[in-house]
Amino acid sequence: MSKGSLEDSISKVMIQWEKDYMGRGPTTAKTYIIRDMVVVSLKGMMSTAEQHLAKDMDGLALIKKLRHLLVEQGRANLEELLWTLTSAKVVSLHTDISTKTGERIFIFRMNRNLD
């Protein structure tokens, strides 16, 4: 599988994971493979209710904490999905969501170079 095809497949899997696990998916997704890292950008991630909640600092912190906890609970499933596509293990996972733009970034550090 070419690098571009793999990036596209990862984007599709991440969209589906968000829909299945989180209950709603992004409007767009783009994946970049850089050596041993998989960087996934998901846009349109916040619901209307979350956008209203993000207008003050307490709401902003709540959104970030909840999203972080949900990802940690679904981490094993994410790692399995990445393993299936890449035959590489996830060494570490980093993620954050912008409460201003609604963009979420995932960075997966893999146990080998995927380029």
PDB file of N, CA and C in Angstrom:
ATOM      1  N   MET A   1       0.850  -1.172   0.000  1.00  0.00           N
ATOM      2  CA  MET A   1       0.000   0.000   0.000  1.00  0.00           C
ATOM      3  C   MET A   1       0.901   1.242   0.000  1.00  0.00           C
ATOM      4  N   SER A   2       0.573   2.204  -0.847  1.00  0.00           N
ATOM      5  CA  SER A   2       1.369   3.437  -0.910  1.00  0.00           C
ATOM      6  C   SER A   2       1.139   4.278   0.341  1.00  0.00           C
ATOM      7  N   LYS A   3       2.046   5.213   0.577  1.00  0.00           N
ATOM      8  CA  LYS A   3       1.935   6.099   1.735  1.00  0.00           C
ATOM      9  C   LYS A   3       0.630   6.895   1.673  1.00  0.00           C
ATOM     10  N   GLY A   4       0.284   7.425   0.498  1.00  0.00           N
ATOM     11  CA  GLY A   4      -0.953   8.184   0.334  1.00  0.00           C
ATOM     12  C   GLY A   4      -2.192   7.345   0.611  1.00  0.00           C
ATOM     13  N   SER A   5      -2.186   6.102   0.158  1.00  0.00           N
ATOM     14  CA  SER A   5      -3.321   5.193   0.396  1.00  0.00           C
ATOM     15  C   SER A   5      -3.443   4.869   1.881  1.00  0.00           C
ATOM     16  N   LEU A   6      -2.294   4.662   2.536  1.00  0.00           N
ATOM     17  CA  LEU A   6      -2.302   4.373   3.968  1.00  0.00           C
ATOM     18  C   LEU A   6      -2.825   5.575   4.754  1.00  0.00           C
ATOM     19  N   GLU A   7      -2.371   6.769   4.395  1.00  0.00           N
ATOM     20  CA  GLU A   7      -2.861   7.977   5.060  1.00  0.00           C
ATOM     21  C   GLU A   7      -4.375   8.115   4.885  1.00  0.00           C
ATOM     22  N   ASP A   8      -4.872   7.855   3.686  1.00  0.00           N
ATOM     23  CA  ASP A   8      -6.309   7.929   3.422  1.00  0.00           C
ATOM     24  C   ASP A   8      -7.069   6.881   4.238  1.00  0.00           C
ATOM     25  N   SER A   9      -6.538   5.680   4.324  1.00  0.00           N
ATOM     26  CA  SER A   9      -7.184   4.612   5.098  1.00  0.00           C
ATOM     27  C   SER A   9      -7.243   4.965   6.581  1.00  0.00           C
ATOM     28  N   ILE A  10      -6.158   5.536   7.095  1.00  0.00           N
ATOM     29  CA  ILE A  10      -6.139   5.936   8.504  1.00  0.00           C
ATOM     30  C   ILE A  10      -7.172   7.032   8.750  1.00  0.00           C
ATOM     31  N   SER A  11      -7.277   8.006   7.848  1.00  0.00           N
ATOM     32  CA  SER A  11      -8.286   9.064   7.984  1.00  0.00           C
ATOM     33  C   SER A  11      -9.685   8.469   8.058  1.00  0.00           C
ATOM     34  N   LYS A  12      -9.978   7.537   7.181  1.00  0.00           N
ATOM     35  CA  LYS A  12     -11.306   6.907   7.158  1.00  0.00           C
ATOM     36  C   LYS A  12     -11.588   6.134   8.450  1.00  0.00           C
ATOM     37  N   VAL A  13     -10.589   5.425   8.954  1.00  0.00           N
ATOM     38  CA  VAL A  13     -10.744   4.663  10.199  1.00  0.00           C
ATOM     39  C   VAL A  13     -10.961   5.606  11.381  1.00  0.00           C
ATOM     40  N   MET A  14     -10.235   6.714  11.398  1.00  0.00           N
ATOM     41  CA  MET A  14     -10.393   7.673  12.489  1.00  0.00           C
ATOM     42  C   MET A  14     -11.772   8.329  12.457  1.00  0.00           C
ATOM     43  N   ILE A  15     -12.272   8.650  11.274  1.00  0.00           N
ATOM     44  CA  ILE A  15     -13.627   9.198  11.148  1.00  0.00           C
ATOM     45  C   ILE A  15     -14.637   8.199  11.693  1.00  0.00           C
ATOM     46  N   GLN A  16     -14.498   6.947  11.292  1.00  0.00           N
ATOM     47  CA  GLN A  16     -15.436   5.924  11.744  1.00  0.00           C
ATOM     48  C   GLN A  16     -15.334   5.689  13.245  1.00  0.00           C
ATOM     49  N   TRP A  17     -14.114   5.700  13.790  1.00  0.00           N
ATOM     50  CA  TRP A  17     -13.940   5.530  15.236  1.00  0.00           C
ATOM     51  C   TRP A  17     -14.640   6.651  15.986  1.00  0.00           C
ATOM     52  N   GLU A  18     -14.463   7.876  15.529  1.00  0.00           N
ATOM     53  CA  GLU A  18     -15.125   9.013  16.171  1.00  0.00           C
ATOM     54  C   GLU A  18     -16.646   8.840  16.127  1.00  0.00           C
ATOM     55  N   LYS A  19     -17.174   8.410  14.995  1.00  0.00           N
ATOM     56  CA  LYS A  19     -18.627   8.216  14.867  1.00  0.00           C
ATOM     57  C   LYS A  19     -19.118   7.095  15.781  1.00  0.00           C
ATOM     58  N   ASP A  20     -18.405   5.973  15.768  1.00  0.00           N
ATOM     59  CA  ASP A  20     -18.832   4.809  16.551  1.00  0.00           C
ATOM     60  C   ASP A  20     -18.613   5.009  18.046  1.00  0.00           C
ATOM     61  N   TYR A  21     -17.449   5.526  18.423  1.00  0.00           N
ATOM     62  CA  TYR A  21     -17.083   5.608  19.835  1.00  0.00           C
ATOM     63  C   TYR A  21     -17.571   6.889  20.499  1.00  0.00           C
ATOM     64  N   MET A  22     -17.424   8.020  19.809  1.00  0.00           N
ATOM     65  CA  MET A  22     -17.779   9.309  20.392  1.00  0.00           C
ATOM     66  C   MET A  22     -19.218   9.731  20.076  1.00  0.00           C
ATOM     67  N   GLY A  23     -19.827   9.092  19.089  1.00  0.00           N
ATOM     68  CA  GLY A  23     -21.214   9.410  18.768  1.00  0.00           C
ATOM     69  C   GLY A  23     -21.407  10.395  17.634  1.00  0.00           C
ATOM     70  N   ARG A  24     -20.342  11.021  17.200  1.00  0.00           N
ATOM     71  CA  ARG A  24     -20.403  11.918  16.048  1.00  0.00           C
ATOM     72  C   ARG A  24     -19.002  12.041  15.472  1.00  0.00           C
ATOM     73  N   GLY A  25     -18.951  12.301  14.186  1.00  0.00           N
ATOM     74  CA  GLY A  25     -17.649  12.358  13.535  1.00  0.00           C
ATOM     75  C   GLY A  25     -17.291  13.743  13.045  1.00  0.00           C
ATOM     76  N   PRO A  26     -16.073  13.886  12.568  1.00  0.00           N
ATOM     77  CA  PRO A  26     -15.598  15.169  12.061  1.00  0.00           C
ATOM     78  C   PRO A  26     -16.190  15.477  10.686  1.00  0.00           C
ATOM     79  N   THR A  27     -16.085  16.745  10.287  1.00  0.00           N
ATOM     80  CA  THR A  27     -16.508  17.117   8.942  1.00  0.00           C
ATOM     81  C   THR A  27     -15.428  16.773   7.922  1.00  0.00           C
ATOM     82  N   THR A  28     -14.160  16.859   8.336  1.00  0.00           N
ATOM     83  CA  THR A  28     -13.047  16.479   7.467  1.00  0.00           C
ATOM     84  C   THR A  28     -11.935  15.850   8.295  1.00  0.00           C
ATOM     85  N   ALA A  29     -11.116  15.065   7.618  1.00  0.00           N
ATOM     86  CA  ALA A  29      -9.964  14.438   8.279  1.00  0.00           C
ATOM     87  C   ALA A  29      -8.806  14.368   7.295  1.00  0.00           C
ATOM     88  N   LYS A  30      -7.608  14.549   7.819  1.00  0.00           N
ATOM     89  CA  LYS A  30      -6.398  14.439   7.007  1.00  0.00           C
ATOM     90  C   LYS A  30      -5.320  13.800   7.857  1.00  0.00           C
ATOM     91  N   THR A  31      -4.614  12.836   7.287  1.00  0.00           N
ATOM     92  CA  THR A  31      -3.549  12.118   7.987  1.00  0.00           C
ATOM     93  C   THR A  31      -2.223  12.355   7.283  1.00  0.00           C
ATOM     94  N   TYR A  32      -1.180  12.519   8.096  1.00  0.00           N
ATOM     95  CA  TYR A  32       0.176  12.697   7.595  1.00  0.00           C
ATOM     96  C   TYR A  32       1.070  11.674   8.282  1.00  0.00           C
ATOM     97  N   ILE A  33       1.821  10.919   7.503  1.00  0.00           N
ATOM     98  CA  ILE A  33       2.816   9.999   8.055  1.00  0.00           C
ATOM     99  C   ILE A  33       4.180  10.663   7.905  1.00  0.00           C
ATOM    100  N   ILE A  34       4.838  10.827   9.048  1.00  0.00           N
ATOM    101  CA  ILE A  34       6.157  11.454   9.081  1.00  0.00           C
ATOM    102  C   ILE A  34       7.066  10.517   9.867  1.00  0.00           C
ATOM    103  N   ARG A  35       7.891   9.788   9.148  1.00  0.00           N
ATOM    104  CA  ARG A  35       8.779   8.790   9.753  1.00  0.00           C
ATOM    105  C   ARG A  35       7.999   7.824  10.644  1.00  0.00           C
ATOM    106  N   ASP A  36       8.181   7.901  11.966  1.00  0.00           N
ATOM    107  CA  ASP A  36       7.502   6.971  12.873  1.00  0.00           C
ATOM    108  C   ASP A  36       6.290   7.609  13.549  1.00  0.00           C
ATOM    109  N   MET A  37       5.794   8.719  12.971  1.00  0.00           N
ATOM    110  CA  MET A  37       4.626   9.392  13.541  1.00  0.00           C
ATOM    111  C   MET A  37       3.465   9.384  12.559  1.00  0.00           C
ATOM    112  N   VAL A  38       2.280   9.239  13.124  1.00  0.00           N
ATOM    113  CA  VAL A  38       1.046   9.385  12.360  1.00  0.00           C
ATOM    114  C   VAL A  38       0.315  10.571  12.977  1.00  0.00           C
ATOM    115  N   VAL A  39       0.138  11.619  12.185  1.00  0.00           N
ATOM    116  CA  VAL A  39      -0.539  12.835  12.643  1.00  0.00           C
ATOM    117  C   VAL A  39      -1.894  12.899  11.946  1.00  0.00           C
ATOM    118  N   VAL A  40      -2.953  12.977  12.748  1.00  0.00           N
ATOM    119  CA  VAL A  40      -4.307  13.014  12.200  1.00  0.00           C
ATOM    120  C   VAL A  40      -4.973  14.317  12.635  1.00  0.00           C
ATOM    121  N   SER A  41      -5.467  15.064  11.665  1.00  0.00           N
ATOM    122  CA  SER A  41      -6.198  16.307  11.921  1.00  0.00           C
ATOM    123  C   SER A  41      -7.669  16.068  11.596  1.00  0.00           C
ATOM    124  N   LEU A  42      -8.526  16.288  12.585  1.00  0.00           N
ATOM    125  CA  LEU A  42      -9.967  16.116  12.426  1.00  0.00           C
ATOM    126  C   LEU A  42     -10.631  17.468  12.651  1.00  0.00           C
ATOM    127  N   LYS A  43     -11.392  17.922  11.687  1.00  0.00           N
ATOM    128  CA  LYS A  43     -12.042  19.233  11.807  1.00  0.00           C
ATOM    129  C   LYS A  43     -13.543  19.069  11.981  1.00  0.00           C
ATOM    130  N   GLY A  44     -14.142  20.066  12.644  1.00  0.00           N
ATOM    131  CA  GLY A  44     -15.583  20.030  12.883  1.00  0.00           C
ATOM    132  C   GLY A  44     -15.961  19.064  13.988  1.00  0.00           C
ATOM    133  N   MET A  45     -15.180  19.054  15.040  1.00  0.00           N
ATOM    134  CA  MET A  45     -15.350  18.056  16.095  1.00  0.00           C
ATOM    135  C   MET A  45     -16.298  18.450  17.222  1.00  0.00           C
ATOM    136  N   MET A  46     -16.575  19.732  17.376  1.00  0.00           N
ATOM    137  CA  MET A  46     -17.377  20.141  18.530  1.00  0.00           C
ATOM    138  C   MET A  46     -18.858  20.277  18.180  1.00  0.00           C
ATOM    139  N   SER A  47     -19.677  19.767  19.061  1.00  0.00           N
ATOM    140  CA  SER A  47     -21.120  19.912  18.898  1.00  0.00           C
ATOM    141  C   SER A  47     -21.516  21.359  19.207  1.00  0.00           C
ATOM    142  N   THR A  48     -22.722  21.719  18.853  1.00  0.00           N
ATOM    143  CA  THR A  48     -23.229  23.058  19.158  1.00  0.00           C
ATOM    144  C   THR A  48     -23.223  23.305  20.662  1.00  0.00           C
ATOM    145  N   ALA A  49     -23.617  22.300  21.431  1.00  0.00           N
ATOM    146  CA  ALA A  49     -23.628  22.438  22.893  1.00  0.00           C
ATOM    147  C   ALA A  49     -22.213  22.680  23.423  1.00  0.00           C
ATOM    148  N   GLU A  50     -21.219  21.972  22.884  1.00  0.00           N
ATOM    149  CA  GLU A  50     -19.831  22.169  23.311  1.00  0.00           C
ATOM    150  C   GLU A  50     -19.338  23.566  22.928  1.00  0.00           C
ATOM    151  N   GLN A  51     -19.750  24.067  21.787  1.00  0.00           N
ATOM    152  CA  GLN A  51     -19.352  25.412  21.371  1.00  0.00           C
ATOM    153  C   GLN A  51     -19.870  26.451  22.360  1.00  0.00           C
ATOM    154  N   HIS A  52     -21.096  26.276  22.837  1.00  0.00           N
ATOM    155  CA  HIS A  52     -21.642  27.190  23.843  1.00  0.00           C
ATOM    156  C   HIS A  52     -20.906  27.028  25.176  1.00  0.00           C
ATOM    157  N   LEU A  53     -20.628  25.795  25.556  1.00  0.00           N
ATOM    158  CA  LEU A  53     -19.934  25.511  26.802  1.00  0.00           C
ATOM    159  C   LEU A  53     -18.523  26.107  26.812  1.00  0.00           C
ATOM    160  N   ALA A  54     -17.886  26.151  25.650  1.00  0.00           N
ATOM    161  CA  ALA A  54     -16.498  26.623  25.543  1.00  0.00           C
ATOM    162  C   ALA A  54     -16.360  28.140  25.683  1.00  0.00           C
ATOM    163  N   LYS A  55     -17.448  28.829  25.896  1.00  0.00           N
ATOM    164  CA  LYS A  55     -17.390  30.298  25.993  1.00  0.00           C
ATOM    165  C   LYS A  55     -16.817  30.791  27.318  1.00  0.00           C
ATOM    166  N   ASP A  56     -16.699  29.916  28.314  1.00  0.00           N
ATOM    167  CA  ASP A  56     -16.037  30.331  29.559  1.00  0.00           C
ATOM    168  C   ASP A  56     -14.970  29.300  29.929  1.00  0.00           C
ATOM    169  N   MET A  57     -14.070  29.698  30.797  1.00  0.00           N
ATOM    170  CA  MET A  57     -12.908  28.869  31.135  1.00  0.00           C
ATOM    171  C   MET A  57     -13.280  27.531  31.761  1.00  0.00           C
ATOM    172  N   ASP A  58     -14.320  27.510  32.605  1.00  0.00           N
ATOM    173  CA  ASP A  58     -14.732  26.248  33.228  1.00  0.00           C
ATOM    174  C   ASP A  58     -15.241  25.274  32.170  1.00  0.00           C
ATOM    175  N   GLY A  59     -16.041  25.769  31.248  1.00  0.00           N
ATOM    176  CA  GLY A  59     -16.575  24.927  30.179  1.00  0.00           C
ATOM    177  C   GLY A  59     -15.481  24.430  29.261  1.00  0.00           C
ATOM    178  N   LEU A  60     -14.546  25.305  28.942  1.00  0.00           N
ATOM    179  CA  LEU A  60     -13.415  24.952  28.097  1.00  0.00           C
ATOM    180  C   LEU A  60     -12.614  23.808  28.729  1.00  0.00           C
ATOM    181  N   ALA A  61     -12.313  23.943  30.000  1.00  0.00           N
ATOM    182  CA  ALA A  61     -11.544  22.904  30.709  1.00  0.00           C
ATOM    183  C   ALA A  61     -12.321  21.596  30.772  1.00  0.00           C
ATOM    184  N   LEU A  62     -13.624  21.685  30.963  1.00  0.00           N
ATOM    185  CA  LEU A  62     -14.472  20.491  31.030  1.00  0.00           C
ATOM    186  C   LEU A  62     -14.456  19.728  29.705  1.00  0.00           C
ATOM    187  N   ILE A  63     -14.577  20.439  28.601  1.00  0.00           N
ATOM    188  CA  ILE A  63     -14.547  19.809  27.280  1.00  0.00           C
ATOM    189  C   ILE A  63     -13.231  19.079  27.068  1.00  0.00           C
ATOM    190  N   LYS A  64     -12.135  19.752  27.357  1.00  0.00           N
ATOM    191  CA  LYS A  64     -10.817  19.136  27.155  1.00  0.00           C
ATOM    192  C   LYS A  64     -10.631  17.899  28.041  1.00  0.00           C
ATOM    193  N   LYS A  65     -11.039  17.999  29.294  1.00  0.00           N
ATOM    194  CA  LYS A  65     -10.887  16.870  30.219  1.00  0.00           C
ATOM    195  C   LYS A  65     -11.748  15.684  29.781  1.00  0.00           C
ATOM    196  N   LEU A  66     -12.992  15.941  29.441  1.00  0.00           N
ATOM    197  CA  LEU A  66     -13.893  14.863  29.016  1.00  0.00           C
ATOM    198  C   LEU A  66     -13.379  14.180  27.760  1.00  0.00           C
ATOM    199  N   ARG A  67     -12.961  14.964  26.781  1.00  0.00           N
ATOM    200  CA  ARG A  67     -12.435  14.383  25.536  1.00  0.00           C
ATOM    201  C   ARG A  67     -11.188  13.549  25.814  1.00  0.00           C
ATOM    202  N   HIS A  68     -10.326  14.034  26.690  1.00  0.00           N
ATOM    203  CA  HIS A  68      -9.111  13.293  27.040  1.00  0.00           C
ATOM    204  C   HIS A  68      -9.464  11.952  27.694  1.00  0.00           C
ATOM    205  N   LEU A  69     -10.380  11.979  28.648  1.00  0.00           N
ATOM    206  CA  LEU A  69     -10.785  10.747  29.333  1.00  0.00           C
ATOM    207  C   LEU A  69     -11.409   9.741  28.367  1.00  0.00           C
ATOM    208  N   LEU A  70     -12.236  10.228  27.454  1.00  0.00           N
ATOM    209  CA  LEU A  70     -12.873   9.331  26.484  1.00  0.00           C
ATOM    210  C   LEU A  70     -11.847   8.673  25.565  1.00  0.00           C
ATOM    211  N   VAL A  71     -10.861   9.436  25.138  1.00  0.00           N
ATOM    212  CA  VAL A  71      -9.812   8.862  24.284  1.00  0.00           C
ATOM    213  C   VAL A  71      -9.020   7.813  25.051  1.00  0.00           C
ATOM    214  N   GLU A  72      -8.687   8.103  26.302  1.00  0.00           N
ATOM    215  CA  GLU A  72      -7.934   7.127  27.094  1.00  0.00           C
ATOM    216  C   GLU A  72      -8.719   5.822  27.248  1.00  0.00           C
ATOM    217  N   GLN A  73     -10.024   5.917  27.419  1.00  0.00           N
ATOM    218  CA  GLN A  73     -10.837   4.698  27.538  1.00  0.00           C
ATOM    219  C   GLN A  73     -10.910   3.936  26.220  1.00  0.00           C
ATOM    220  N   GLY A  74     -10.839   4.638  25.101  1.00  0.00           N
ATOM    221  CA  GLY A  74     -10.898   3.986  23.796  1.00  0.00           C
ATOM    222  C   GLY A  74      -9.545   3.732  23.173  1.00  0.00           C
ATOM    223  N   ARG A  75      -8.499   3.976  23.937  1.00  0.00           N
ATOM    224  CA  ARG A  75      -7.133   3.881  23.419  1.00  0.00           C
ATOM    225  C   ARG A  75      -6.788   2.494  22.866  1.00  0.00           C
ATOM    226  N   ALA A  76      -7.162   1.455  23.556  1.00  0.00           N
ATOM    227  CA  ALA A  76      -6.837   0.096  23.098  1.00  0.00           C
ATOM    228  C   ALA A  76      -7.436  -0.165  21.717  1.00  0.00           C
ATOM    229  N   ASN A  77      -8.647   0.309  21.517  1.00  0.00           N
ATOM    230  CA  ASN A  77      -9.296   0.142  20.218  1.00  0.00           C
ATOM    231  C   ASN A  77      -8.563   0.929  19.135  1.00  0.00           C
ATOM    232  N   LEU A  78      -8.151   2.156  19.441  1.00  0.00           N
ATOM    233  CA  LEU A  78      -7.377   2.961  18.486  1.00  0.00           C
ATOM    234  C   LEU A  78      -6.066   2.273  18.122  1.00  0.00           C
ATOM    235  N   GLU A  79      -5.387   1.754  19.132  1.00  0.00           N
ATOM    236  CA  GLU A  79      -4.116   1.071  18.888  1.00  0.00           C
ATOM    237  C   GLU A  79      -4.309  -0.161  18.003  1.00  0.00           C
ATOM    238  N   GLU A  80      -5.394  -0.880  18.229  1.00  0.00           N
ATOM    239  CA  GLU A  80      -5.695  -2.055  17.405  1.00  0.00           C
ATOM    240  C   GLU A  80      -5.972  -1.655  15.955  1.00  0.00           C
ATOM    241  N   LEU A  81      -6.718  -0.579  15.764  1.00  0.00           N
ATOM    242  CA  LEU A  81      -7.014  -0.101  14.415  1.00  0.00           C
ATOM    243  C   LEU A  81      -5.743   0.298  13.678  1.00  0.00           C
ATOM    244  N   LEU A  82      -4.836   0.996  14.372  1.00  0.00           N
ATOM    245  CA  LEU A  82      -3.568   1.400  13.751  1.00  0.00           C
ATOM    246  C   LEU A  82      -2.697   0.183  13.446  1.00  0.00           C
ATOM    247  N   TRP A  83      -2.679  -0.792  14.347  1.00  0.00           N
ATOM    248  CA  TRP A  83      -1.918  -2.017  14.127  1.00  0.00           C
ATOM    249  C   TRP A  83      -2.422  -2.743  12.873  1.00  0.00           C
ATOM    250  N   THR A  84      -3.729  -2.831  12.737  1.00  0.00           N
ATOM    251  CA  THR A  84      -4.333  -3.516  11.584  1.00  0.00           C
ATOM    252  C   THR A  84      -3.903  -2.869  10.269  1.00  0.00           C
ATOM    253  N   LEU A  85      -3.826  -1.550  10.240  1.00  0.00           N
ATOM    254  CA  LEU A  85      -3.474  -0.844   9.008  1.00  0.00           C
ATOM    255  C   LEU A  85      -1.973  -0.773   8.752  1.00  0.00           C
ATOM    256  N   THR A  86      -1.167  -0.679   9.815  1.00  0.00           N
ATOM    257  CA  THR A  86       0.262  -0.407   9.641  1.00  0.00           C
ATOM    258  C   THR A  86       1.186  -1.556  10.017  1.00  0.00           C
ATOM    259  N   SER A  87       0.692  -2.525  10.748  1.00  0.00           N
ATOM    260  CA  SER A  87       1.518  -3.596  11.322  1.00  0.00           C
ATOM    261  C   SER A  87       2.614  -3.024  12.226  1.00  0.00           C
ATOM    262  N   ALA A  88       2.317  -1.881  12.817  1.00  0.00           N
ATOM    263  CA  ALA A  88       3.237  -1.253  13.771  1.00  0.00           C
ATOM    264  C   ALA A  88       2.471  -0.976  15.061  1.00  0.00           C
ATOM    265  N   LYS A  89       3.187  -1.040  16.173  1.00  0.00           N
ATOM    266  CA  LYS A  89       2.566  -0.789  17.472  1.00  0.00           C
ATOM    267  C   LYS A  89       2.640   0.697  17.828  1.00  0.00           C
ATOM    268  N   VAL A  90       1.604   1.167  18.504  1.00  0.00           N
ATOM    269  CA  VAL A  90       1.596   2.528  19.013  1.00  0.00           C
ATOM    270  C   VAL A  90       2.448   2.568  20.280  1.00  0.00           C
ATOM    271  N   VAL A  91       3.462   3.419  20.295  1.00  0.00           N
ATOM    272  CA  VAL A  91       4.330   3.583  21.449  1.00  0.00           C
ATOM    273  C   VAL A  91       3.743   4.644  22.378  1.00  0.00           C
ATOM    274  N   SER A  92       3.268   5.737  21.792  1.00  0.00           N
ATOM    275  CA  SER A  92       2.631   6.782  22.582  1.00  0.00           C
ATOM    276  C   SER A  92       1.561   7.475  21.750  1.00  0.00           C
ATOM    277  N   LEU A  93       0.628   8.084  22.464  1.00  0.00           N
ATOM    278  CA  LEU A  93      -0.495   8.780  21.840  1.00  0.00           C
ATOM    279  C   LEU A  93      -0.659  10.132  22.508  1.00  0.00           C
ATOM    280  N   HIS A  94      -0.741  11.168  21.699  1.00  0.00           N
ATOM    281  CA  HIS A  94      -0.942  12.524  22.188  1.00  0.00           C
ATOM    282  C   HIS A  94      -2.136  13.107  21.437  1.00  0.00           C
ATOM    283  N   THR A  95      -3.015  13.807  22.144  1.00  0.00           N
ATOM    284  CA  THR A  95      -4.172  14.400  21.486  1.00  0.00           C
ATOM    285  C   THR A  95      -4.623  15.647  22.214  1.00  0.00           C
ATOM    286  N   ASP A  96      -5.217  16.552  21.463  1.00  0.00           N
ATOM    287  CA  ASP A  96      -5.817  17.753  22.038  1.00  0.00           C
ATOM    288  C   ASP A  96      -6.874  18.248  21.065  1.00  0.00           C
ATOM    289  N   ILE A  97      -7.794  19.058  21.589  1.00  0.00           N
ATOM    290  CA  ILE A  97      -8.828  19.670  20.773  1.00  0.00           C
ATOM    291  C   ILE A  97      -8.774  21.175  20.983  1.00  0.00           C
ATOM    292  N   SER A  98      -8.908  21.904  19.901  1.00  0.00           N
ATOM    293  CA  SER A  98      -8.985  23.365  19.993  1.00  0.00           C
ATOM    294  C   SER A  98     -10.442  23.736  20.216  1.00  0.00           C
ATOM    295  N   THR A  99     -10.703  24.395  21.324  1.00  0.00           N
ATOM    296  CA  THR A  99     -12.072  24.815  21.601  1.00  0.00           C
ATOM    297  C   THR A  99     -12.416  26.094  20.830  1.00  0.00           C
ATOM    298  N   LYS A 100     -11.446  26.658  20.135  1.00  0.00           N
ATOM    299  CA  LYS A 100     -11.707  27.826  19.285  1.00  0.00           C
ATOM    300  C   LYS A 100     -12.111  27.402  17.878  1.00  0.00           C
ATOM    301  N   THR A 101     -11.389  26.414  17.326  1.00  0.00           N
ATOM    302  CA  THR A 101     -11.639  26.017  15.930  1.00  0.00           C
ATOM    303  C   THR A 101     -12.401  24.707  15.799  1.00  0.00           C
ATOM    304  N   GLY A 102     -12.457  23.920  16.857  1.00  0.00           N
ATOM    305  CA  GLY A 102     -13.102  22.612  16.775  1.00  0.00           C
ATOM    306  C   GLY A 102     -12.234  21.550  16.127  1.00  0.00           C
ATOM    307  N   GLU A 103     -10.966  21.862  15.895  1.00  0.00           N
ATOM    308  CA  GLU A 103     -10.043  20.894  15.302  1.00  0.00           C
ATOM    309  C   GLU A 103      -9.428  20.040  16.407  1.00  0.00           C
ATOM    310  N   ARG A 104      -9.345  18.749  16.117  1.00  0.00           N
ATOM    311  CA  ARG A 104      -8.700  17.818  17.043  1.00  0.00           C
ATOM    312  C   ARG A 104      -7.493  17.208  16.342  1.00  0.00           C
ATOM    313  N   ILE A 105      -6.401  17.100  17.074  1.00  0.00           N
ATOM    314  CA  ILE A 105      -5.174  16.511  16.539  1.00  0.00           C
ATOM    315  C   ILE A 105      -4.833  15.266  17.345  1.00  0.00           C
ATOM    316  N   PHE A 106      -4.515  14.205  16.640  1.00  0.00           N
ATOM    317  CA  PHE A 106      -3.961  12.998  17.240  1.00  0.00           C
ATOM    318  C   PHE A 106      -2.550  12.843  16.703  1.00  0.00           C
ATOM    319  N   ILE A 107      -1.612  12.529  17.572  1.00  0.00           N
ATOM    320  CA  ILE A 107      -0.264  12.162  17.146  1.00  0.00           C
ATOM    321  C   ILE A 107       0.035  10.799  17.745  1.00  0.00           C
ATOM    322  N   PHE A 108       0.268   9.843  16.872  1.00  0.00           N
ATOM    323  CA  PHE A 108       0.628   8.491  17.285  1.00  0.00           C
ATOM    324  C   PHE A 108       2.114   8.305  16.992  1.00  0.00           C
ATOM    325  N   ARG A 109       2.900   7.940  17.985  1.00  0.00           N
ATOM    326  CA  ARG A 109       4.302   7.587  17.781  1.00  0.00           C
ATOM    327  C   ARG A 109       4.323   6.068  17.666  1.00  0.00           C
ATOM    328  N   MET A 110       4.820   5.577  16.549  1.00  0.00           N
ATOM    329  CA  MET A 110       4.816   4.148  16.278  1.00  0.00           C
ATOM    330  C   MET A 110       6.181   3.525  16.607  1.00  0.00           C
ATOM    331  N   ASN A 111       6.225   2.206  16.655  1.00  0.00           N
ATOM    332  CA  ASN A 111       7.474   1.537  17.035  1.00  0.00           C
ATOM    333  C   ASN A 111       8.442   1.334  15.858  1.00  0.00           C
ATOM    334  N   ARG A 112       8.054   1.870  14.706  1.00  0.00           N
ATOM    335  CA  ARG A 112       8.960   1.786  13.555  1.00  0.00           C
ATOM    336  C   ARG A 112       8.606   2.868  12.529  1.00  0.00           C
ATOM    337  N   ASN A 113       9.517   3.106  11.630  1.00  0.00           N
ATOM    338  CA  ASN A 113       9.331   4.084  10.558  1.00  0.00           C
ATOM    339  C   ASN A 113       8.277   3.571   9.574  1.00  0.00           C
ATOM    340  N   LEU A 114       7.315   4.410   9.225  1.00  0.00           N
ATOM    341  CA  LEU A 114       6.264   4.022   8.268  1.00  0.00           C
ATOM    342  C   LEU A 114       6.450   4.639   6.885  1.00  0.00           C
ATOM    343  N   ASP A 115       7.452   5.531   6.741  1.00  0.00           N
ATOM    344  CA  ASP A 115       7.715   6.169   5.427  1.00  0.00           C
ATOM    345  C   ASP A 115       8.132   5.152   4.391  1.00  0.00           C
TER     346      ASP A 115
END
